[in-house]
């Protein structure tokens, strides 16, 4: 029963954070994506490491400039594919010139013919985040479930990408919420490991 007020406040926090994100101009959005790419990841990328990004929706910060830079550094890139609700996301090989197709949720993803990869680093979209590494997504739980599932197999670094305006004081985290290792914004890096 106590989950309902928590969920309601999460929904309110999501709505407020998304309103701030939506208010950003296209120029600020592009500048933020470039600033994140210029700074790069806070961890070393060894050649052949698999980094999964995402196809931005609903005004999310665009990971493409960062992903292009990571490819130049030798990373293998992947994008998520939605398999089914309650199932782990699949990650399919992707390069910036590949054509994408609409997945079941209307999000662009690689062809089912693309090789499946297990990421070493996951770039995670979000609606809001706090300084403890908790995030609010869109309520589907795909990233929390996927991180929990994949981390049973190998160590995966989860890095949220966001605009600084999406930071909130506190996310009402639930037991199934998986915290991020880092969040990157146009103004800095938040490190939650410890």
Protein backbone atom coordinates (compact mmCIF):
# COMPACT_ATOMS: atom_id res chain seq x y z
CA UNK A 1 0.00 0.00 0.00
CA UNK A 2 2.81 2.41 0.75
CA UNK A 3 4.03 2.02 -2.86
CA UNK A 4 1.09 4.03 -4.21
CA UNK A 5 2.02 7.42 -2.69
CA UNK A 6 5.65 6.70 -3.66
CA UNK A 7 4.60 5.96 -7.23
CA UNK A 8 2.42 9.06 -7.34
CA UNK A 9 5.26 11.25 -6.17
CA UNK A 10 7.55 9.59 -8.72
CA UNK A 11 5.01 10.45 -11.41
CA UNK A 12 4.86 14.07 -10.19
CA UNK A 13 8.66 14.31 -10.10
CA UNK A 14 8.86 12.80 -13.59
CA UNK A 15 6.33 15.31 -14.93
CA UNK A 16 8.19 18.27 -13.40
CA UNK A 17 11.61 17.09 -14.64
CA UNK A 18 10.30 16.43 -18.13
CA UNK A 19 8.74 19.92 -18.22
CA UNK A 20 12.18 21.41 -17.44
CA UNK A 21 13.75 19.21 -20.12
CA UNK A 22 11.08 20.15 -22.67
CA UNK A 23 11.71 23.85 -22.01
CA UNK A 24 15.31 23.61 -23.28
CA UNK A 25 15.94 25.15 -26.69
CA UNK A 26 17.24 23.06 -29.59
CA UNK A 27 20.49 25.05 -29.41
CA UNK A 28 20.96 24.20 -25.72
CA UNK A 29 20.18 20.53 -26.42
CA UNK A 30 22.76 20.30 -29.21
CA UNK A 31 25.37 22.16 -27.13
CA UNK A 32 24.74 19.81 -24.17
CA UNK A 33 25.18 16.68 -26.32
CA UNK A 34 28.45 18.10 -27.70
CA UNK A 35 29.69 19.03 -24.20
CA UNK A 36 29.05 15.49 -22.93
CA UNK A 37 30.85 14.02 -25.95
CA UNK A 38 33.80 16.39 -25.56
CA UNK A 39 34.25 15.40 -21.90
CA UNK A 40 33.86 11.68 -22.71
CA UNK A 41 33.30 8.85 -20.29
CA UNK A 42 34.73 8.88 -16.76
CA UNK A 43 36.16 5.39 -17.30
CA UNK A 44 38.79 3.98 -19.63
CA UNK A 45 37.43 2.48 -22.84
CA UNK A 46 39.57 -0.45 -23.97
CA UNK A 47 39.42 -1.41 -27.66
CA UNK A 48 36.56 -3.82 -28.26
CA UNK A 49 34.57 -2.82 -25.16
CA UNK A 50 30.85 -2.84 -25.88
CA UNK A 51 29.03 0.41 -25.14
CA UNK A 52 25.27 0.48 -25.53
CA UNK A 53 23.56 3.77 -26.19
CA UNK A 54 19.93 4.50 -26.97
CA UNK A 55 17.80 6.15 -29.62
CA UNK A 56 16.64 9.39 -28.01
CA UNK A 57 12.91 9.92 -27.57
CA UNK A 58 10.79 12.58 -25.87
CA UNK A 59 13.57 15.18 -25.89
CA UNK A 60 16.25 13.02 -24.25
CA UNK A 61 19.86 14.17 -24.55
CA UNK A 62 21.26 12.74 -27.78
CA UNK A 63 24.03 10.18 -27.12
CA UNK A 64 25.11 10.05 -30.80
CA UNK A 65 28.00 12.57 -30.55
CA UNK A 66 29.41 10.67 -27.54
CA UNK A 67 28.92 7.30 -29.23
CA UNK A 68 30.72 8.45 -32.39
CA UNK A 69 33.66 9.56 -30.26
CA UNK A 70 33.66 6.21 -28.42
CA UNK A 71 33.69 4.34 -31.75
CA UNK A 72 36.80 6.30 -32.76
CA UNK A 73 38.38 5.18 -29.46
CA UNK A 74 37.73 1.54 -30.43
CA UNK A 75 34.45 0.80 -28.64
CA UNK A 76 31.95 -1.56 -30.23
CA UNK A 77 28.54 0.11 -30.21
CA UNK A 78 25.12 -1.35 -29.54
CA UNK A 79 21.56 -0.12 -29.17
CA UNK A 80 18.79 -1.71 -27.10
CA UNK A 81 15.89 -3.63 -28.56
CA UNK A 82 12.69 -4.18 -26.59
CA UNK A 83 11.83 -7.88 -26.51
CA UNK A 84 8.74 -7.90 -24.27
CA UNK A 85 7.44 -6.21 -21.13
CA UNK A 86 9.12 -7.71 -18.06
CA UNK A 87 11.99 -9.08 -20.16
CA UNK A 88 15.56 -7.86 -20.36
CA UNK A 89 16.42 -5.54 -23.24
CA UNK A 90 18.53 -7.13 -25.97
CA UNK A 91 21.51 -5.18 -27.30
CA UNK A 92 22.28 -5.33 -30.99
CA UNK A 93 25.44 -4.20 -32.75
CA UNK A 94 25.15 -0.75 -34.29
CA UNK A 95 27.35 1.77 -36.08
CA UNK A 96 26.41 5.39 -36.82
CA UNK A 97 25.74 4.68 -40.52
CA UNK A 98 23.36 1.74 -39.90
CA UNK A 99 19.70 2.06 -40.80
CA UNK A 100 17.36 1.59 -37.86
CA UNK A 101 13.82 0.26 -37.72
CA UNK A 102 10.88 1.04 -35.46
CA UNK A 103 10.64 -1.36 -32.54
CA UNK A 104 7.45 -2.42 -30.72
CA UNK A 105 7.38 0.77 -28.60
CA UNK A 106 7.98 3.04 -31.59
CA UNK A 107 11.67 3.52 -30.71
CA UNK A 108 14.34 3.16 -33.39
CA UNK A 109 16.46 0.03 -32.95
CA UNK A 110 18.83 -2.13 -35.01
CA UNK A 111 17.56 -4.90 -37.24
CA UNK A 112 16.93 -8.29 -35.59
CA UNK A 113 19.65 -9.56 -37.98
CA UNK A 114 22.31 -7.47 -36.15
CA UNK A 115 24.58 -9.41 -33.80
CA UNK A 116 23.51 -9.48 -30.14
CA UNK A 117 26.10 -8.12 -27.73
CA UNK A 118 26.33 -7.86 -23.95
CA UNK A 119 27.38 -4.34 -23.00
CA UNK A 120 30.29 -3.50 -20.71
CA UNK A 121 28.92 0.04 -20.39
CA UNK A 122 25.26 1.04 -20.66
CA UNK A 123 24.37 4.65 -21.44
CA UNK A 124 20.98 5.06 -19.78
CA UNK A 125 18.31 7.64 -20.63
CA UNK A 126 16.29 9.10 -17.78
CA UNK A 127 13.61 11.59 -16.83
CA UNK A 128 15.23 12.69 -13.53
CA UNK A 129 18.13 11.80 -11.24
CA UNK A 130 19.41 12.63 -7.77
CA UNK A 131 22.89 12.82 -6.23
CA UNK A 132 22.66 9.25 -4.91
CA UNK A 133 22.51 7.77 -8.40
CA UNK A 134 18.80 7.02 -8.38
CA UNK A 135 16.90 7.73 -11.57
CA UNK A 136 13.35 8.06 -12.67
CA UNK A 137 12.61 6.58 -16.07
CA UNK A 138 9.27 6.36 -17.79
CA UNK A 139 7.81 3.70 -15.51
CA UNK A 140 8.37 0.58 -17.62
CA UNK A 141 11.29 -0.72 -15.55
CA UNK A 142 13.21 -1.93 -18.62
CA UNK A 143 16.59 -0.56 -17.58
CA UNK A 144 16.28 -1.60 -13.91
CA UNK A 145 15.31 -5.13 -14.92
CA UNK A 146 18.03 -5.33 -17.59
CA UNK A 147 20.80 -4.06 -15.28
CA UNK A 148 19.79 -6.43 -12.47
CA UNK A 149 19.63 -9.35 -14.92
CA UNK A 150 22.89 -8.63 -16.81
CA UNK A 151 24.91 -7.86 -13.69
CA UNK A 152 24.39 -11.50 -12.66
CA UNK A 153 26.48 -12.38 -15.74
CA UNK A 154 29.17 -9.65 -15.72
CA UNK A 155 30.12 -6.27 -14.30
CA UNK A 156 28.36 -3.52 -16.21
CA UNK A 157 28.91 0.20 -15.69
CA UNK A 158 25.61 2.12 -15.86
CA UNK A 159 26.01 5.75 -16.92
CA UNK A 160 22.98 8.01 -17.05
CA UNK A 161 22.93 10.81 -19.62
CA UNK A 162 20.89 13.88 -18.79
CA UNK A 163 20.61 17.63 -18.96
CA UNK A 164 21.63 19.37 -15.72
CA UNK A 165 18.04 20.65 -15.45
CA UNK A 166 16.87 17.07 -14.80
CA UNK A 167 18.58 16.85 -11.41
CA UNK A 168 16.11 16.68 -8.51
CA UNK A 169 16.66 16.66 -4.77
CA UNK A 170 15.62 13.06 -4.10
CA UNK A 171 14.19 10.16 -6.07
CA UNK A 172 11.82 8.00 -4.01
CA UNK A 173 13.75 4.80 -4.84
CA UNK A 174 12.07 1.42 -4.47
CA UNK A 175 13.73 -1.93 -3.75
CA UNK A 176 13.76 -2.95 -7.45
CA UNK A 177 15.33 0.34 -8.61
CA UNK A 178 18.96 -0.13 -9.66
CA UNK A 179 21.18 2.90 -9.01
CA UNK A 180 23.52 4.27 -11.66
CA UNK A 181 27.30 4.36 -11.36
CA UNK A 182 27.54 7.82 -12.93
CA UNK A 183 25.43 10.55 -14.50
CA UNK A 184 26.91 12.80 -17.18
CA UNK A 185 25.41 16.22 -17.89
CA UNK A 186 26.59 19.19 -19.91
CA UNK A 187 27.96 20.75 -16.70
CA UNK A 188 29.73 17.81 -15.09
CA UNK A 189 30.09 14.21 -13.99
CA UNK A 190 28.38 12.72 -10.95
CA UNK A 191 30.18 9.66 -9.55
CA UNK A 192 28.00 7.42 -7.32
CA UNK A 193 30.41 4.51 -6.84
CA UNK A 194 31.42 3.93 -3.19
